[in-house]
Amino acid sequence: MLCSLEQWTEKMRKHHIRRTDNILLYDTNGFFSVARVALMFRYFGANRVRIINGGLKKWKLEGKPVFEGDYAPGEGLEAEGDYNYHVVDEGIFVRDIDTVHKAARQVFVGDKSVQILDARPHVLTYGGTPGRPGFLSGHITGSKNLFA
């Protein structure tokens, strides 16, 4: 789910992350939730967004410096700048449930012009391993798993 444009802009102002900044993203495991954050930045109009290959884990394995301690949002960053975030083209990034249902019907009847891709771990997609509480295993009929 995506937050509203207003919520996004408020958070970016708080952290002094301007729409036109060079934005480098990482996460702990290398590529777990960072792709979702990159998509959100691009959805809201930032186009200079990159993901650090290997994330914090690789950074530390390579002996690169890390900071530990207290940090205030926006600390060390300029507050002035372009916070003119906007939704780029919702249709590029997001589909409503009716569109997904239509695509699933197309896939089910063998239409090769559309594909649904599941980016969750393979074990969740095809069952056998329960996910986090409240998350179901299984997949949309006809969808393919990215990691299969």
C-alpha atoms as a PDB file:
ATOM      1  CA  MET A   1       0.000   0.000   0.000  1.00  0.00           C
ATOM      2  CA  LEU A   2       1.077   3.529  -0.683  1.00  0.00           C
ATOM      3  CA  CYS A   3       0.672   6.512   1.569  1.00  0.00           C
ATOM      4  CA  SER A   4      -0.897   9.714   0.293  1.00  0.00           C
ATOM      5  CA  LEU A   5       1.134  12.337  -1.529  1.00  0.00           C
ATOM      6  CA  GLU A   6       0.641  14.656   1.443  1.00  0.00           C
ATOM      7  CA  GLN A   7       1.950  12.067   3.922  1.00  0.00           C
ATOM      8  CA  TRP A   8       4.948  11.311   1.694  1.00  0.00           C
ATOM      9  CA  THR A   9       5.853  14.969   1.251  1.00  0.00           C
ATOM     10  CA  GLU A  10       5.558  15.612   4.994  1.00  0.00           C
ATOM     11  CA  LYS A  11       7.965  12.753   5.778  1.00  0.00           C
ATOM     12  CA  MET A  12      10.430  13.870   3.102  1.00  0.00           C
ATOM     13  CA  ARG A  13      10.430  17.440   4.465  1.00  0.00           C
ATOM     14  CA  LYS A  14      11.010  16.102   7.981  1.00  0.00           C
ATOM     15  CA  HIS A  15      14.022  14.096   6.786  1.00  0.00           C
ATOM     16  CA  HIS A  16      15.208  16.799   4.342  1.00  0.00           C
ATOM     17  CA  ILE A  17      15.050  14.429   1.374  1.00  0.00           C
ATOM     18  CA  ARG A  18      14.406  16.596  -1.650  1.00  0.00           C
ATOM     19  CA  ARG A  19      12.808  15.278  -4.828  1.00  0.00           C
ATOM     20  CA  THR A  20      15.871  16.232  -6.889  1.00  0.00           C
ATOM     21  CA  ASP A  21      18.491  14.731  -4.537  1.00  0.00           C
ATOM     22  CA  ASN A  22      20.671  11.794  -5.483  1.00  0.00           C
ATOM     23  CA  ILE A  23      18.998   9.178  -3.311  1.00  0.00           C
ATOM     24  CA  LEU A  24      20.926   6.019  -2.407  1.00  0.00           C
ATOM     25  CA  LEU A  25      18.937   3.282  -0.690  1.00  0.00           C
ATOM     26  CA  TYR A  26      19.944   0.122   1.129  1.00  0.00           C
ATOM     27  CA  ASP A  27      18.559  -2.366   3.597  1.00  0.00           C
ATOM     28  CA  THR A  28      20.008  -4.902   5.979  1.00  0.00           C
ATOM     29  CA  ASN A  29      19.830  -8.004   3.794  1.00  0.00           C
ATOM     30  CA  GLY A  30      20.778  -6.493   0.454  1.00  0.00           C
ATOM     31  CA  PHE A  31      17.488  -6.495  -1.426  1.00  0.00           C
ATOM     32  CA  PHE A  32      14.517  -7.198   0.815  1.00  0.00           C
ATOM     33  CA  SER A  33      12.307  -4.127   1.140  1.00  0.00           C
ATOM     34  CA  VAL A  34      14.567  -1.583  -0.509  1.00  0.00           C
ATOM     35  CA  ALA A  35      13.019  -2.163  -3.948  1.00  0.00           C
ATOM     36  CA  ARG A  36       9.624  -1.154  -2.582  1.00  0.00           C
ATOM     37  CA  VAL A  37      11.071   2.069  -1.186  1.00  0.00           C
ATOM     38  CA  ALA A  38      12.780   2.812  -4.512  1.00  0.00           C
ATOM     39  CA  LEU A  39       9.463   2.310  -6.296  1.00  0.00           C
ATOM     40  CA  MET A  40       7.765   4.671  -3.843  1.00  0.00           C
ATOM     41  CA  PHE A  41      10.351   7.390  -4.459  1.00  0.00           C
ATOM     42  CA  ARG A  42       9.889   7.026  -8.219  1.00  0.00           C
ATOM     43  CA  TYR A  43       6.102   6.916  -7.878  1.00  0.00           C
ATOM     44  CA  PHE A  44       6.253  10.273  -6.102  1.00  0.00           C
ATOM     45  CA  GLY A  45       8.494  11.883  -8.727  1.00  0.00           C
ATOM     46  CA  ALA A  46      12.097  11.374  -7.578  1.00  0.00           C
ATOM     47  CA  ASN A  47      14.095  10.100 -10.534  1.00  0.00           C
ATOM     48  CA  ARG A  48      17.635  10.020  -9.163  1.00  0.00           C
ATOM     49  CA  VAL A  49      17.107   6.915  -7.020  1.00  0.00           C
ATOM     50  CA  ARG A  50      19.591   4.047  -6.786  1.00  0.00           C
ATOM     51  CA  ILE A  51      19.919   0.883  -4.690  1.00  0.00           C
ATOM     52  CA  ILE A  52      23.268  -0.031  -3.126  1.00  0.00           C
ATOM     53  CA  ASN A  53      24.113  -3.550  -4.302  1.00  0.00           C
ATOM     54  CA  GLY A  54      24.414  -5.895  -1.336  1.00  0.00           C
ATOM     55  CA  GLY A  55      23.054  -3.430   1.196  1.00  0.00           C
ATOM     56  CA  LEU A  56      24.450  -2.817   4.660  1.00  0.00           C
ATOM     57  CA  LYS A  57      25.574  -6.433   5.026  1.00  0.00           C
ATOM     58  CA  LYS A  58      27.948  -6.196   2.053  1.00  0.00           C
ATOM     59  CA  TRP A  59      29.047  -2.690   3.085  1.00  0.00           C
ATOM     60  CA  LYS A  60      30.136  -4.015   6.498  1.00  0.00           C
ATOM     61  CA  LEU A  61      31.757  -7.164   5.021  1.00  0.00           C
ATOM     62  CA  GLU A  62      33.908  -4.878   2.877  1.00  0.00           C
ATOM     63  CA  GLY A  63      35.047  -3.080   6.042  1.00  0.00           C
ATOM     64  CA  LYS A  64      33.484   0.248   5.074  1.00  0.00           C
ATOM     65  CA  PRO A  65      32.700   2.740   7.846  1.00  0.00           C
ATOM     66  CA  VAL A  66      29.340   2.793   9.611  1.00  0.00           C
ATOM     67  CA  PHE A  67      27.831   5.248  12.066  1.00  0.00           C
ATOM     68  CA  GLU A  68      26.251   4.091  15.282  1.00  0.00           C
ATOM     69  CA  GLY A  69      24.496   6.382  17.687  1.00  0.00           C
ATOM     70  CA  ASP A  70      21.740   8.927  17.898  1.00  0.00           C
ATOM     71  CA  TYR A  71      20.545  10.630  14.729  1.00  0.00           C
ATOM     72  CA  ALA A  72      17.908  13.329  14.337  1.00  0.00           C
ATOM     73  CA  PRO A  73      15.760  13.263  11.169  1.00  0.00           C
ATOM     74  CA  GLY A  74      17.365  15.442   8.510  1.00  0.00           C
ATOM     75  CA  GLU A  75      20.563  15.947  10.503  1.00  0.00           C
ATOM     76  CA  GLY A  76      23.380  17.217   8.300  1.00  0.00           C
ATOM     77  CA  LEU A  77      21.159  17.797   5.256  1.00  0.00           C
ATOM     78  CA  GLU A  78      20.006  21.103   3.802  1.00  0.00           C
ATOM     79  CA  ALA A  79      16.360  21.854   4.541  1.00  0.00           C
ATOM     80  CA  GLU A  80      15.774  24.181   1.579  1.00  0.00           C
ATOM     81  CA  GLY A  81      15.131  22.725  -1.848  1.00  0.00           C
ATOM     82  CA  ASP A  82      12.641  21.008  -4.114  1.00  0.00           C
ATOM     83  CA  TYR A  83       9.991  19.090  -2.181  1.00  0.00           C
ATOM     84  CA  ASN A  84       7.587  19.260  -5.101  1.00  0.00           C
ATOM     85  CA  TYR A  85       6.767  15.560  -4.976  1.00  0.00           C
ATOM     86  CA  HIS A  86       3.915  14.447  -7.224  1.00  0.00           C
ATOM     87  CA  VAL A  87       2.427  11.213  -8.493  1.00  0.00           C
ATOM     88  CA  VAL A  88       4.176  10.550 -11.805  1.00  0.00           C
ATOM     89  CA  ASP A  89       1.785   8.235 -13.649  1.00  0.00           C
ATOM     90  CA  GLU A  90      -0.133   5.982 -11.327  1.00  0.00           C
ATOM     91  CA  GLY A  91      -0.847   3.499 -14.129  1.00  0.00           C
ATOM     92  CA  ILE A  92       2.856   2.722 -14.532  1.00  0.00           C
ATOM     93  CA  PHE A  93       3.296   1.641 -10.914  1.00  0.00           C
ATOM     94  CA  VAL A  94      -0.040   0.639  -9.439  1.00  0.00           C
ATOM     95  CA  ARG A  95      -2.996  -1.463 -10.548  1.00  0.00           C
ATOM     96  CA  ASP A  96      -6.370  -1.577  -8.862  1.00  0.00           C
ATOM     97  CA  ILE A  97      -7.914  -4.890  -7.863  1.00  0.00           C
ATOM     98  CA  ASP A  98     -10.351  -4.948 -10.808  1.00  0.00           C
ATOM     99  CA  THR A  99      -7.432  -4.704 -13.244  1.00  0.00           C
ATOM    100  CA  VAL A 100      -5.644  -7.536 -11.447  1.00  0.00           C
ATOM    101  CA  HIS A 101      -8.796  -9.696 -11.602  1.00  0.00           C
ATOM    102  CA  LYS A 102      -9.101  -9.029 -15.333  1.00  0.00           C
ATOM    103  CA  ALA A 103      -5.430  -9.926 -15.877  1.00  0.00           C
ATOM    104  CA  ALA A 104      -5.860 -13.118 -13.817  1.00  0.00           C
ATOM    105  CA  ARG A 105      -8.805 -14.149 -16.012  1.00  0.00           C
ATOM    106  CA  GLN A 106      -6.700 -13.504 -19.122  1.00  0.00           C
ATOM    107  CA  VAL A 107      -3.825 -15.595 -17.760  1.00  0.00           C
ATOM    108  CA  PHE A 108      -6.240 -18.351 -16.698  1.00  0.00           C
ATOM    109  CA  VAL A 109      -7.604 -18.716 -20.245  1.00  0.00           C
ATOM    110  CA  GLY A 110      -4.091 -18.805 -21.727  1.00  0.00           C
ATOM    111  CA  ASP A 111      -3.742 -15.235 -23.000  1.00  0.00           C
ATOM    112  CA  LYS A 112       0.026 -14.767 -23.444  1.00  0.00           C
ATOM    113  CA  SER A 113      -0.202 -10.972 -23.782  1.00  0.00           C
ATOM    114  CA  VAL A 114      -0.348 -10.501 -20.001  1.00  0.00           C
ATOM    115  CA  GLN A 115       1.633 -11.967 -17.123  1.00  0.00           C
ATOM    116  CA  ILE A 116       1.358 -11.718 -13.356  1.00  0.00           C
ATOM    117  CA  LEU A 117       4.619 -12.058 -11.442  1.00  0.00           C
ATOM    118  CA  ASP A 118       4.831 -12.899  -7.743  1.00  0.00           C
ATOM    119  CA  ALA A 119       7.972 -11.443  -6.134  1.00  0.00           C
ATOM    120  CA  ARG A 120       7.541 -13.192  -2.779  1.00  0.00           C
ATOM    121  CA  PRO A 121       9.820 -16.070  -1.778  1.00  0.00           C
ATOM    122  CA  HIS A 122       9.054 -19.278  -3.660  1.00  0.00           C
ATOM    123  CA  VAL A 123       7.990 -21.162  -0.515  1.00  0.00           C
ATOM    124  CA  LEU A 124       5.230 -18.624   0.156  1.00  0.00           C
ATOM    125  CA  THR A 125       4.018 -18.685  -3.415  1.00  0.00           C
ATOM    126  CA  TYR A 126       3.596 -22.436  -3.640  1.00  0.00           C
ATOM    127  CA  GLY A 127       2.788 -23.155  -0.005  1.00  0.00           C
ATOM    128  CA  GLY A 128       4.440 -25.542   2.362  1.00  0.00           C
ATOM    129  CA  THR A 129       5.878 -22.821   4.574  1.00  0.00           C
ATOM    130  CA  PRO A 130       3.651 -20.433   6.483  1.00  0.00           C
ATOM    131  CA  GLY A 131       4.430 -16.767   6.085  1.00  0.00           C
ATOM    132  CA  ARG A 132       4.305 -14.068   8.706  1.00  0.00           C
ATOM    133  CA  PRO A 133       1.138 -13.995  10.805  1.00  0.00           C
ATOM    134  CA  GLY A 134      -1.719 -12.649   8.715  1.00  0.00           C
ATOM    135  CA  PHE A 135       0.011 -13.391   5.384  1.00  0.00           C
ATOM    136  CA  LEU A 136      -1.268 -16.263   3.301  1.00  0.00           C
ATOM    137  CA  SER A 137       0.723 -18.663   1.163  1.00  0.00           C
ATOM    138  CA  GLY A 138      -0.483 -19.548  -2.312  1.00  0.00           C
ATOM    139  CA  HIS A 139      -0.577 -17.568  -5.534  1.00  0.00           C
ATOM    140  CA  ILE A 140      -2.908 -16.071  -8.125  1.00  0.00           C
ATOM    141  CA  THR A 141      -3.801 -18.836 -10.570  1.00  0.00           C
ATOM    142  CA  GLY A 142      -1.499 -18.682 -13.580  1.00  0.00           C
ATOM    143  CA  SER A 143       0.995 -16.267 -11.996  1.00  0.00           C
ATOM    144  CA  LYS A 144       4.708 -17.023 -12.116  1.00  0.00           C
ATOM    145  CA  ASN A 145       7.144 -16.766  -9.213  1.00  0.00           C
ATOM    146  CA  LEU A 146      10.236 -14.641  -9.797  1.00  0.00           C
ATOM    147  CA  PHE A 147      12.393 -17.003  -7.735  1.00  0.00           C
ATOM    148  CA  ALA A 148      11.138 -20.340  -9.078  1.00  0.00           C
END
